[in-house]
Amino acid sequence: MDKLISKIVAFGVPGLVLLIIMSGTGLAGAAAITTALVFLGPFGILGGIATLGVIALVSEGIAEFGMSAIFQGVVDELYKKGETKESILHKIEKYPISKSLKRKLKEEIEKKS
């Protein structure tokens, strides 16, 4: 049952992302789909499809392992690649994300170190 739910979540999240972006285009049908895919991807429609695939993988991982386990794994890999706590914190500061998310990420890094 848990595997089934994680698969549904993996397919559901990219679909929700696509649906939300399609609704923001103001278009309908195939025009809305192609416009949304172009908007999602760095290389047009193919990039949009690839982005949805990445979203599916990430959401499946979160459903299966939990956010904190994935966060810790990513931080551990960054350390293995030679990143320091300070360099990770500096990168977080440069990301175009909300201040509350930056604060949360920084708190997690401080706890793990």
PDB file of N, CA and C in Angstrom:
ATOM      1  N   MET A   1       0.827  -1.199   0.000  1.00  0.00           N
ATOM      2  CA  MET A   1       0.000   0.000   0.000  1.00  0.00           C
ATOM      3  C   MET A   1       0.871   1.262   0.000  1.00  0.00           C
ATOM      4  N   ASP A   2       1.934   1.256   0.809  1.00  0.00           N
ATOM      5  CA  ASP A   2       2.815   2.422   0.870  1.00  0.00           C
ATOM      6  C   ASP A   2       3.489   2.688  -0.478  1.00  0.00           C
ATOM      7  N   LYS A   3       3.889   1.623  -1.163  1.00  0.00           N
ATOM      8  CA  LYS A   3       4.515   1.790  -2.482  1.00  0.00           C
ATOM      9  C   LYS A   3       3.528   2.399  -3.473  1.00  0.00           C
ATOM     10  N   LEU A   4       2.276   1.945  -3.426  1.00  0.00           N
ATOM     11  CA  LEU A   4       1.249   2.473  -4.312  1.00  0.00           C
ATOM     12  C   LEU A   4       1.026   3.953  -4.057  1.00  0.00           C
ATOM     13  N   ILE A   5       0.942   4.326  -2.805  1.00  0.00           N
ATOM     14  CA  ILE A   5       0.722   5.729  -2.447  1.00  0.00           C
ATOM     15  C   ILE A   5       1.901   6.581  -2.920  1.00  0.00           C
ATOM     16  N   SER A   6       3.131   6.070  -2.749  1.00  0.00           N
ATOM     17  CA  SER A   6       4.285   6.861  -3.187  1.00  0.00           C
ATOM     18  C   SER A   6       4.289   7.033  -4.708  1.00  0.00           C
ATOM     19  N   LYS A   7       3.843   6.028  -5.447  1.00  0.00           N
ATOM     20  CA  LYS A   7       3.759   6.150  -6.908  1.00  0.00           C
ATOM     21  C   LYS A   7       2.695   7.168  -7.305  1.00  0.00           C
ATOM     22  N   ILE A   8       1.567   7.146  -6.627  1.00  0.00           N
ATOM     23  CA  ILE A   8       0.504   8.111  -6.917  1.00  0.00           C
ATOM     24  C   ILE A   8       1.000   9.527  -6.641  1.00  0.00           C
ATOM     25  N   VAL A   9       1.699   9.694  -5.528  1.00  0.00           N
ATOM     26  CA  VAL A   9       2.248  11.012  -5.196  1.00  0.00           C
ATOM     27  C   VAL A   9       3.239  11.443  -6.266  1.00  0.00           C
ATOM     28  N   ALA A  10       4.088  10.511  -6.716  1.00  0.00           N
ATOM     29  CA  ALA A  10       5.099  10.855  -7.721  1.00  0.00           C
ATOM     30  C   ALA A  10       4.458  11.339  -9.009  1.00  0.00           C
ATOM     31  N   PHE A  11       3.379  10.719  -9.424  1.00  0.00           N
ATOM     32  CA  PHE A  11       2.706  11.170 -10.639  1.00  0.00           C
ATOM     33  C   PHE A  11       1.812  12.370 -10.381  1.00  0.00           C
ATOM     34  N   GLY A  12       1.299  12.472  -9.168  1.00  0.00           N
ATOM     35  CA  GLY A  12       0.359  13.536  -8.849  1.00  0.00           C
ATOM     36  C   GLY A  12       0.983  14.911  -8.771  1.00  0.00           C
ATOM     37  N   VAL A  13       2.143  15.021  -8.177  1.00  0.00           N
ATOM     38  CA  VAL A  13       2.781  16.323  -7.991  1.00  0.00           C
ATOM     39  C   VAL A  13       3.139  16.973  -9.329  1.00  0.00           C
ATOM     40  N   PRO A  14       3.792  16.273 -10.268  1.00  0.00           N
ATOM     41  CA  PRO A  14       4.062  16.921 -11.555  1.00  0.00           C
ATOM     42  C   PRO A  14       2.786  17.331 -12.278  1.00  0.00           C
ATOM     43  N   GLY A  15       1.757  16.514 -12.146  1.00  0.00           N
ATOM     44  CA  GLY A  15       0.472  16.868 -12.762  1.00  0.00           C
ATOM     45  C   GLY A  15      -0.105  18.130 -12.163  1.00  0.00           C
ATOM     46  N   LEU A  16       0.014  18.251 -10.838  1.00  0.00           N
ATOM     47  CA  LEU A  16      -0.466  19.467 -10.180  1.00  0.00           C
ATOM     48  C   LEU A  16       0.336  20.689 -10.615  1.00  0.00           C
ATOM     49  N   VAL A  17       1.644  20.524 -10.719  1.00  0.00           N
ATOM     50  CA  VAL A  17       2.494  21.636 -11.158  1.00  0.00           C
ATOM     51  C   VAL A  17       2.092  22.081 -12.561  1.00  0.00           C
ATOM     52  N   LEU A  18       1.945  21.102 -13.455  1.00  0.00           N
ATOM     53  CA  LEU A  18       1.558  21.428 -14.829  1.00  0.00           C
ATOM     54  C   LEU A  18       0.192  22.099 -14.872  1.00  0.00           C
ATOM     55  N   LEU A  19      -0.751  21.579 -14.094  1.00  0.00           N
ATOM     56  CA  LEU A  19      -2.096  22.149 -14.053  1.00  0.00           C
ATOM     57  C   LEU A  19      -2.089  23.592 -13.564  1.00  0.00           C
ATOM     58  N   ILE A  20      -1.325  23.863 -12.533  1.00  0.00           N
ATOM     59  CA  ILE A  20      -1.254  25.224 -11.990  1.00  0.00           C
ATOM     60  C   ILE A  20      -0.653  26.183 -13.020  1.00  0.00           C
ATOM     61  N   ILE A  21       0.415  25.753 -13.676  1.00  0.00           N
ATOM     62  CA  ILE A  21       1.040  26.621 -14.672  1.00  0.00           C
ATOM     63  C   ILE A  21       0.120  26.808 -15.872  1.00  0.00           C
ATOM     64  N   MET A  22      -0.576  25.738 -16.273  1.00  0.00           N
ATOM     65  CA  MET A  22      -1.521  25.852 -17.389  1.00  0.00           C
ATOM     66  C   MET A  22      -2.622  26.852 -17.074  1.00  0.00           C
ATOM     67  N   SER A  23      -3.099  26.836 -15.836  1.00  0.00           N
ATOM     68  CA  SER A  23      -4.182  27.760 -15.473  1.00  0.00           C
ATOM     69  C   SER A  23      -3.707  29.209 -15.502  1.00  0.00           C
ATOM     70  N   GLY A  24      -2.421  29.409 -15.308  1.00  0.00           N
ATOM     71  CA  GLY A  24      -1.878  30.761 -15.330  1.00  0.00           C
ATOM     72  C   GLY A  24      -1.598  31.299 -16.723  1.00  0.00           C
ATOM     73  N   THR A  25      -1.671  30.431 -17.729  1.00  0.00           N
ATOM     74  CA  THR A  25      -1.373  30.897 -19.088  1.00  0.00           C
ATOM     75  C   THR A  25      -2.528  31.669 -19.711  1.00  0.00           C
ATOM     76  N   GLY A  26      -3.740  31.399 -19.260  1.00  0.00           N
ATOM     77  CA  GLY A  26      -4.903  32.041 -19.858  1.00  0.00           C
ATOM     78  C   GLY A  26      -5.322  31.389 -21.165  1.00  0.00           C
ATOM     79  N   LEU A  27      -4.719  30.262 -21.484  1.00  0.00           N
ATOM     80  CA  LEU A  27      -5.032  29.548 -22.712  1.00  0.00           C
ATOM     81  C   LEU A  27      -5.785  28.266 -22.375  1.00  0.00           C
ATOM     82  N   ALA A  28      -6.199  27.541 -23.401  1.00  0.00           N
ATOM     83  CA  ALA A  28      -6.908  26.283 -23.183  1.00  0.00           C
ATOM     84  C   ALA A  28      -6.362  25.216 -24.113  1.00  0.00           C
ATOM     85  N   GLY A  29      -6.555  23.965 -23.747  1.00  0.00           N
ATOM     86  CA  GLY A  29      -6.197  22.838 -24.593  1.00  0.00           C
ATOM     87  C   GLY A  29      -4.710  22.691 -24.825  1.00  0.00           C
ATOM     88  N   ALA A  30      -4.385  22.301 -26.059  1.00  0.00           N
ATOM     89  CA  ALA A  30      -2.992  22.038 -26.416  1.00  0.00           C
ATOM     90  C   ALA A  30      -2.122  23.288 -26.278  1.00  0.00           C
ATOM     91  N   ALA A  31      -2.684  24.445 -26.550  1.00  0.00           N
ATOM     92  CA  ALA A  31      -1.915  25.694 -26.416  1.00  0.00           C
ATOM     93  C   ALA A  31      -1.490  25.911 -24.971  1.00  0.00           C
ATOM     94  N   ALA A  32      -2.381  25.595 -24.027  1.00  0.00           N
ATOM     95  CA  ALA A  32      -2.049  25.751 -22.613  1.00  0.00           C
ATOM     96  C   ALA A  32      -0.961  24.763 -22.203  1.00  0.00           C
ATOM     97  N   ILE A  33      -1.053  23.533 -22.700  1.00  0.00           N
ATOM     98  CA  ILE A  33      -0.058  22.517 -22.353  1.00  0.00           C
ATOM     99  C   ILE A  33       1.312  22.894 -22.898  1.00  0.00           C
ATOM    100  N   THR A  34       1.386  23.251 -24.165  1.00  0.00           N
ATOM    101  CA  THR A  34       2.688  23.584 -24.752  1.00  0.00           C
ATOM    102  C   THR A  34       3.283  24.842 -24.127  1.00  0.00           C
ATOM    103  N   THR A  35       2.442  25.815 -23.858  1.00  0.00           N
ATOM    104  CA  THR A  35       2.943  27.035 -23.216  1.00  0.00           C
ATOM    105  C   THR A  35       3.470  26.735 -21.820  1.00  0.00           C
ATOM    106  N   ALA A  36       2.750  25.915 -21.070  1.00  0.00           N
ATOM    107  CA  ALA A  36       3.190  25.556 -19.718  1.00  0.00           C
ATOM    108  C   ALA A  36       4.507  24.789 -19.761  1.00  0.00           C
ATOM    109  N   LEU A  37       4.651  23.860 -20.695  1.00  0.00           N
ATOM    110  CA  LEU A  37       5.891  23.096 -20.800  1.00  0.00           C
ATOM    111  C   LEU A  37       7.065  23.980 -21.185  1.00  0.00           C
ATOM    112  N   VAL A  38       6.829  24.929 -22.078  1.00  0.00           N
ATOM    113  CA  VAL A  38       7.885  25.869 -22.459  1.00  0.00           C
ATOM    114  C   VAL A  38       8.289  26.706 -21.244  1.00  0.00           C
ATOM    115  N   PHE A  39       7.302  27.128 -20.473  1.00  0.00           N
ATOM    116  CA  PHE A  39       7.573  27.936 -19.289  1.00  0.00           C
ATOM    117  C   PHE A  39       8.376  27.153 -18.254  1.00  0.00           C
ATOM    118  N   LEU A  40       8.082  25.867 -18.095  1.00  0.00           N
ATOM    119  CA  LEU A  40       8.758  25.029 -17.097  1.00  0.00           C
ATOM    120  C   LEU A  40      10.208  24.739 -17.433  1.00  0.00           C
ATOM    121  N   GLY A  41      10.498  24.531 -18.706  1.00  0.00           N
ATOM    122  CA  GLY A  41      11.802  24.010 -19.063  1.00  0.00           C
ATOM    123  C   GLY A  41      12.791  25.034 -19.529  1.00  0.00           C
ATOM    124  N   PRO A  42      14.060  24.762 -19.264  1.00  0.00           N
ATOM    125  CA  PRO A  42      15.106  25.670 -19.739  1.00  0.00           C
ATOM    126  C   PRO A  42      15.347  25.564 -21.237  1.00  0.00           C
ATOM    127  N   PHE A  43      14.933  24.455 -21.865  1.00  0.00           N
ATOM    128  CA  PHE A  43      15.160  24.259 -23.293  1.00  0.00           C
ATOM    129  C   PHE A  43      13.854  23.969 -24.017  1.00  0.00           C
ATOM    130  N   GLY A  44      12.842  24.746 -23.727  1.00  0.00           N
ATOM    131  CA  GLY A  44      11.571  24.595 -24.411  1.00  0.00           C
ATOM    132  C   GLY A  44      10.743  23.436 -23.881  1.00  0.00           C
ATOM    133  N   ILE A  45       9.969  22.844 -24.761  1.00  0.00           N
ATOM    134  CA  ILE A  45       9.041  21.783 -24.367  1.00  0.00           C
ATOM    135  C   ILE A  45       9.785  20.583 -23.799  1.00  0.00           C
ATOM    136  N   LEU A  46      10.880  20.176 -24.438  1.00  0.00           N
ATOM    137  CA  LEU A  46      11.633  19.024 -23.927  1.00  0.00           C
ATOM    138  C   LEU A  46      12.192  19.294 -22.533  1.00  0.00           C
ATOM    139  N   GLY A  47      12.649  20.495 -22.299  1.00  0.00           N
ATOM    140  CA  GLY A  47      13.119  20.870 -20.968  1.00  0.00           C
ATOM    141  C   GLY A  47      11.997  20.843 -19.944  1.00  0.00           C
ATOM    142  N   GLY A  48      10.789  21.246 -20.368  1.00  0.00           N
ATOM    143  CA  GLY A  48       9.632  21.202 -19.478  1.00  0.00           C
ATOM    144  C   GLY A  48       9.271  19.780 -19.092  1.00  0.00           C
ATOM    145  N   ILE A  49       9.334  18.884 -20.069  1.00  0.00           N
ATOM    146  CA  ILE A  49       9.058  17.476 -19.791  1.00  0.00           C
ATOM    147  C   ILE A  49      10.117  16.922 -18.838  1.00  0.00           C
ATOM    148  N   ALA A  50      11.373  17.267 -19.073  1.00  0.00           N
ATOM    149  CA  ALA A  50      12.448  16.820 -18.188  1.00  0.00           C
ATOM    150  C   ALA A  50      12.263  17.371 -16.771  1.00  0.00           C
ATOM    151  N   THR A  51      11.853  18.625 -16.675  1.00  0.00           N
ATOM    152  CA  THR A  51      11.605  19.229 -15.363  1.00  0.00           C
ATOM    153  C   THR A  51      10.503  18.486 -14.625  1.00  0.00           C
ATOM    154  N   LEU A  52       9.436  18.134 -15.325  1.00  0.00           N
ATOM    155  CA  LEU A  52       8.371  17.352 -14.695  1.00  0.00           C
ATOM    156  C   LEU A  52       8.885  15.994 -14.237  1.00  0.00           C
ATOM    157  N   GLY A  53       9.791  15.400 -14.995  1.00  0.00           N
ATOM    158  CA  GLY A  53      10.393  14.126 -14.588  1.00  0.00           C
ATOM    159  C   GLY A  53      11.208  14.258 -13.315  1.00  0.00           C
ATOM    160  N   VAL A  54      11.972  15.338 -13.229  1.00  0.00           N
ATOM    161  CA  VAL A  54      12.756  15.584 -12.019  1.00  0.00           C
ATOM    162  C   VAL A  54      11.834  15.813 -10.827  1.00  0.00           C
ATOM    163  N   ILE A  55      10.764  16.563 -11.035  1.00  0.00           N
ATOM    164  CA  ILE A  55       9.792  16.791  -9.961  1.00  0.00           C
ATOM    165  C   ILE A  55       9.207  15.459  -9.505  1.00  0.00           C
ATOM    166  N   ALA A  56       8.941  14.555 -10.441  1.00  0.00           N
ATOM    167  CA  ALA A  56       8.401  13.238 -10.089  1.00  0.00           C
ATOM    168  C   ALA A  56       9.386  12.454  -9.238  1.00  0.00           C
ATOM    169  N   LEU A  57      10.650  12.462  -9.630  1.00  0.00           N
ATOM    170  CA  LEU A  57      11.663  11.727  -8.858  1.00  0.00           C
ATOM    171  C   LEU A  57      11.810  12.286  -7.448  1.00  0.00           C
ATOM    172  N   VAL A  58      11.874  13.599  -7.345  1.00  0.00           N
ATOM    173  CA  VAL A  58      12.044  14.230  -6.039  1.00  0.00           C
ATOM    174  C   VAL A  58      10.830  13.976  -5.148  1.00  0.00           C
ATOM    175  N   SER A  59       9.640  14.117  -5.705  1.00  0.00           N
ATOM    176  CA  SER A  59       8.445  13.906  -4.884  1.00  0.00           C
ATOM    177  C   SER A  59       8.308  12.446  -4.463  1.00  0.00           C
ATOM    178  N   GLU A  60       8.730  11.520  -5.329  1.00  0.00           N
ATOM    179  CA  GLU A  60       8.701  10.104  -4.946  1.00  0.00           C
ATOM    180  C   GLU A  60       9.690   9.841  -3.817  1.00  0.00           C
ATOM    181  N   GLY A  61      10.854  10.439  -3.906  1.00  0.00           N
ATOM    182  CA  GLY A  61      11.851  10.287  -2.840  1.00  0.00           C
ATOM    183  C   GLY A  61      11.367  10.847  -1.525  1.00  0.00           C
ATOM    184  N   ILE A  62      10.718  11.993  -1.566  1.00  0.00           N
ATOM    185  CA  ILE A  62      10.182  12.593  -0.344  1.00  0.00           C
ATOM    186  C   ILE A  62       9.091  11.706   0.240  1.00  0.00           C
ATOM    187  N   ALA A  63       8.233  11.159  -0.617  1.00  0.00           N
ATOM    188  CA  ALA A  63       7.163  10.284  -0.134  1.00  0.00           C
ATOM    189  C   ALA A  63       7.724   9.005   0.476  1.00  0.00           C
ATOM    190  N   GLU A  64       8.822   8.499  -0.086  1.00  0.00           N
ATOM    191  CA  GLU A  64       9.362   7.226   0.384  1.00  0.00           C
ATOM    192  C   GLU A  64      10.253   7.385   1.615  1.00  0.00           C
ATOM    193  N   PHE A  65      11.117   8.401   1.618  1.00  0.00           N
ATOM    194  CA  PHE A  65      12.113   8.511   2.673  1.00  0.00           C
ATOM    195  C   PHE A  65      11.863   9.639   3.663  1.00  0.00           C
ATOM    196  N   GLY A  66      11.100  10.627   3.282  1.00  0.00           N
ATOM    197  CA  GLY A  66      10.873  11.784   4.151  1.00  0.00           C
ATOM    198  C   GLY A  66      11.839  12.905   3.822  1.00  0.00           C
ATOM    199  N   MET A  67      11.372  14.108   4.073  1.00  0.00           N
ATOM    200  CA  MET A  67      12.146  15.291   3.712  1.00  0.00           C
ATOM    201  C   MET A  67      13.452  15.387   4.493  1.00  0.00           C
ATOM    202  N   SER A  68      13.426  15.086   5.775  1.00  0.00           N
ATOM    203  CA  SER A  68      14.641  15.252   6.577  1.00  0.00           C
ATOM    204  C   SER A  68      15.736  14.281   6.151  1.00  0.00           C
ATOM    205  N   ALA A  69      15.374  13.049   5.771  1.00  0.00           N
ATOM    206  CA  ALA A  69      16.374  12.084   5.315  1.00  0.00           C
ATOM    207  C   ALA A  69      17.008  12.544   4.009  1.00  0.00           C
ATOM    208  N   ILE A  70      16.204  13.071   3.099  1.00  0.00           N
ATOM    209  CA  ILE A  70      16.740  13.561   1.824  1.00  0.00           C
ATOM    210  C   ILE A  70      17.609  14.788   2.060  1.00  0.00           C
ATOM    211  N   PHE A  71      17.150  15.688   2.915  1.00  0.00           N
ATOM    212  CA  PHE A  71      17.934  16.886   3.241  1.00  0.00           C
ATOM    213  C   PHE A  71      19.297  16.479   3.797  1.00  0.00           C
ATOM    214  N   GLN A  72      19.301  15.547   4.745  1.00  0.00           N
ATOM    215  CA  GLN A  72      20.564  15.115   5.349  1.00  0.00           C
ATOM    216  C   GLN A  72      21.464  14.453   4.315  1.00  0.00           C
ATOM    217  N   GLY A  73      20.882  13.653   3.419  1.00  0.00           N
ATOM    218  CA  GLY A  73      21.673  13.014   2.370  1.00  0.00           C
ATOM    219  C   GLY A  73      22.321  14.017   1.439  1.00  0.00           C
ATOM    220  N   VAL A  74      21.572  15.046   1.067  1.00  0.00           N
ATOM    221  CA  VAL A  74      22.118  16.087   0.181  1.00  0.00           C
ATOM    222  C   VAL A  74      23.245  16.839   0.881  1.00  0.00           C
ATOM    223  N   VAL A  75      23.041  17.195   2.138  1.00  0.00           N
ATOM    224  CA  VAL A  75      24.078  17.909   2.889  1.00  0.00           C
ATOM    225  C   VAL A  75      25.327  17.041   3.028  1.00  0.00           C
ATOM    226  N   ASP A  76      25.150  15.741   3.330  1.00  0.00           N
ATOM    227  CA  ASP A  76      26.300  14.835   3.440  1.00  0.00           C
ATOM    228  C   ASP A  76      27.074  14.762   2.129  1.00  0.00           C
ATOM    229  N   GLU A  77      26.360  14.689   1.002  1.00  0.00           N
ATOM    230  CA  GLU A  77      27.023  14.641  -0.308  1.00  0.00           C
ATOM    231  C   GLU A  77      27.762  15.938  -0.605  1.00  0.00           C
ATOM    232  N   LEU A  78      27.177  17.068  -0.210  1.00  0.00           N
ATOM    233  CA  LEU A  78      27.864  18.352  -0.408  1.00  0.00           C
ATOM    234  C   LEU A  78      29.173  18.386   0.371  1.00  0.00           C
ATOM    235  N   TYR A  79      29.143  17.872   1.605  1.00  0.00           N
ATOM    236  CA  TYR A  79      30.375  17.811   2.403  1.00  0.00           C
ATOM    237  C   TYR A  79      31.401  16.891   1.756  1.00  0.00           C
ATOM    238  N   LYS A  80      30.948  15.751   1.213  1.00  0.00           N
ATOM    239  CA  LYS A  80      31.859  14.815   0.543  1.00  0.00           C
ATOM    240  C   LYS A  80      32.515  15.452  -0.677  1.00  0.00           C
ATOM    241  N   LYS A  81      31.787  16.350  -1.339  1.00  0.00           N
ATOM    242  CA  LYS A  81      32.325  17.014  -2.529  1.00  0.00           C
ATOM    243  C   LYS A  81      33.202  18.204  -2.184  1.00  0.00           C
ATOM    244  N   GLY A  82      33.471  18.403  -0.902  1.00  0.00           N
ATOM    245  CA  GLY A  82      34.390  19.447  -0.495  1.00  0.00           C
ATOM    246  C   GLY A  82      33.751  20.748  -0.049  1.00  0.00           C
ATOM    247  N   GLU A  83      32.432  20.800  -0.028  1.00  0.00           N
ATOM    248  CA  GLU A  83      31.757  22.013   0.435  1.00  0.00           C
ATOM    249  C   GLU A  83      31.942  22.151   1.950  1.00  0.00           C
ATOM    250  N   THR A  84      32.046  23.375   2.395  1.00  0.00           N
ATOM    251  CA  THR A  84      32.091  23.636   3.832  1.00  0.00           C
ATOM    252  C   THR A  84      30.731  24.148   4.287  1.00  0.00           C
ATOM    253  N   LYS A  85      30.543  24.168   5.587  1.00  0.00           N
ATOM    254  CA  LYS A  85      29.283  24.689   6.126  1.00  0.00           C
ATOM    255  C   LYS A  85      29.076  26.126   5.660  1.00  0.00           C
ATOM    256  N   GLU A  86      30.144  26.907   5.668  1.00  0.00           N
ATOM    257  CA  GLU A  86      30.049  28.306   5.270  1.00  0.00           C
ATOM    258  C   GLU A  86      29.683  28.453   3.791  1.00  0.00           C
ATOM    259  N   SER A  87      30.257  27.598   2.931  1.00  0.00           N
ATOM    260  CA  SER A  87      29.944  27.705   1.505  1.00  0.00           C
ATOM    261  C   SER A  87      28.496  27.293   1.228  1.00  0.00           C
ATOM    262  N   ILE A  88      28.011  26.300   1.960  1.00  0.00           N
ATOM    263  CA  ILE A  88      26.611  25.894   1.801  1.00  0.00           C
ATOM    264  C   ILE A  88      25.685  27.016   2.252  1.00  0.00           C
ATOM    265  N   LEU A  89      25.986  27.617   3.390  1.00  0.00           N
ATOM    266  CA  LEU A  89      25.167  28.724   3.892  1.00  0.00           C
ATOM    267  C   LEU A  89      25.197  29.900   2.919  1.00  0.00           C
ATOM    268  N   HIS A  90      26.350  30.163   2.312  1.00  0.00           N
ATOM    269  CA  HIS A  90      26.469  31.259   1.341  1.00  0.00           C
ATOM    270  C   HIS A  90      25.600  30.981   0.110  1.00  0.00           C
ATOM    271  N   LYS A  91      25.604  29.734  -0.366  1.00  0.00           N
ATOM    272  CA  LYS A  91      24.774  29.376  -1.516  1.00  0.00           C
ATOM    273  C   LYS A  91      23.297  29.534  -1.192  1.00  0.00           C
ATOM    274  N   ILE A  92      22.910  29.120   0.008  1.00  0.00           N
ATOM    275  CA  ILE A  92      21.509  29.259   0.422  1.00  0.00           C
ATOM    276  C   ILE A  92      21.110  30.726   0.397  1.00  0.00           C
ATOM    277  N   GLU A  93      22.000  31.583   0.852  1.00  0.00           N
ATOM    278  CA  GLU A  93      21.699  33.022   0.889  1.00  0.00           C
ATOM    279  C   GLU A  93      21.478  33.584  -0.509  1.00  0.00           C
ATOM    280  N   LYS A  94      22.152  33.036  -1.518  1.00  0.00           N
ATOM    281  CA  LYS A  94      22.026  33.539  -2.886  1.00  0.00           C
ATOM    282  C   LYS A  94      20.808  32.991  -3.617  1.00  0.00           C
ATOM    283  N   TYR A  95      20.209  31.892  -3.137  1.00  0.00           N
ATOM    284  CA  TYR A  95      19.072  31.284  -3.835  1.00  0.00           C
ATOM    285  C   TYR A  95      17.873  32.223  -3.861  1.00  0.00           C
ATOM    286  N   PRO A  96      17.123  32.219  -4.960  1.00  0.00           N
ATOM    287  CA  PRO A  96      15.918  33.067  -5.045  1.00  0.00           C
ATOM    288  C   PRO A  96      14.717  32.391  -4.379  1.00  0.00           C
ATOM    289  N   ILE A  97      14.811  32.251  -3.059  1.00  0.00           N
ATOM    290  CA  ILE A  97      13.739  31.627  -2.276  1.00  0.00           C
ATOM    291  C   ILE A  97      13.334  32.575  -1.160  1.00  0.00           C
ATOM    292  N   SER A  98      12.226  32.257  -0.508  1.00  0.00           N
ATOM    293  CA  SER A  98      11.713  33.148   0.537  1.00  0.00           C
ATOM    294  C   SER A  98      12.656  33.197   1.737  1.00  0.00           C
ATOM    295  N   LYS A  99      12.557  34.272   2.478  1.00  0.00           N
ATOM    296  CA  LYS A  99      13.392  34.439   3.666  1.00  0.00           C
ATOM    297  C   LYS A  99      13.102  33.361   4.704  1.00  0.00           C
ATOM    298  N   SER A 100      11.843  32.969   4.824  1.00  0.00           N
ATOM    299  CA  SER A 100      11.503  31.945   5.815  1.00  0.00           C
ATOM    300  C   SER A 100      12.117  30.595   5.438  1.00  0.00           C
ATOM    301  N   LEU A 101      12.140  30.273   4.155  1.00  0.00           N
ATOM    302  CA  LEU A 101      12.762  29.020   3.726  1.00  0.00           C
ATOM    303  C   LEU A 101      14.271  29.079   3.919  1.00  0.00           C
ATOM    304  N   LYS A 102      14.878  30.224   3.615  1.00  0.00           N
ATOM    305  CA  LYS A 102      16.313  30.385   3.859  1.00  0.00           C
ATOM    306  C   LYS A 102      16.629  30.176   5.336  1.00  0.00           C
ATOM    307  N   ARG A 103      15.809  30.773   6.201  1.00  0.00           N
ATOM    308  CA  ARG A 103      16.023  30.637   7.643  1.00  0.00           C
ATOM    309  C   ARG A 103      15.920  29.178   8.070  1.00  0.00           C
ATOM    310  N   LYS A 104      14.915  28.488   7.554  1.00  0.00           N
ATOM    311  CA  LYS A 104      14.702  27.086   7.901  1.00  0.00           C
ATOM    312  C   LYS A 104      15.879  26.219   7.445  1.00  0.00           C
ATOM    313  N   LEU A 105      16.348  26.448   6.214  1.00  0.00           N
ATOM    314  CA  LEU A 105      17.486  25.687   5.706  1.00  0.00           C
ATOM    315  C   LEU A 105      18.742  25.948   6.531  1.00  0.00           C
ATOM    316  N   LYS A 106      18.956  27.193   6.862  1.00  0.00           N
ATOM    317  CA  LYS A 106      20.138  27.540   7.664  1.00  0.00           C
ATOM    318  C   LYS A 106      20.069  26.897   9.052  1.00  0.00           C
ATOM    319  N   GLU A 107      18.883  26.887   9.651  1.00  0.00           N
ATOM    320  CA  GLU A 107      18.717  26.244  10.960  1.00  0.00           C
ATOM    321  C   GLU A 107      19.032  24.752  10.884  1.00  0.00           C
ATOM    322  N   GLU A 108      18.576  24.116   9.817  1.00  0.00           N
ATOM    323  CA  GLU A 108      18.842  22.683   9.640  1.00  0.00           C
ATOM    324  C   GLU A 108      20.340  22.422   9.459  1.00  0.00           C
ATOM    325  N   ILE A 109      21.005  23.270   8.696  1.00  0.00           N
ATOM    326  CA  ILE A 109      22.460  23.115   8.496  1.00  0.00           C
ATOM    327  C   ILE A 109      23.178  23.274   9.836  1.00  0.00           C
ATOM    328  N   GLU A 110      22.773  24.262  10.615  1.00  0.00           N
ATOM    329  CA  GLU A 110      23.412  24.498  11.920  1.00  0.00           C
ATOM    330  C   GLU A 110      23.197  23.309  12.856  1.00  0.00           C
ATOM    331  N   LYS A 111      21.992  22.718  12.826  1.00  0.00           N
ATOM    332  CA  LYS A 111      21.709  21.560  13.685  1.00  0.00           C
ATOM    333  C   LYS A 111      22.551  20.348  13.294  1.00  0.00           C
ATOM    334  N   LYS A 112      22.745  20.154  11.985  1.00  0.00           N
ATOM    335  CA  LYS A 112      23.428  18.966  11.490  1.00  0.00           C
ATOM    336  C   LYS A 112      24.936  19.063  11.660  1.00  0.00           C
ATOM    337  N   SER A 113      25.453  20.266  11.784  1.00  0.00           N
ATOM    338  CA  SER A 113      26.904  20.446  11.838  1.00  0.00           C
ATOM    339  C   SER A 113      27.424  20.388  13.249  1.00  0.00           C
TER     340      SER A 113
END
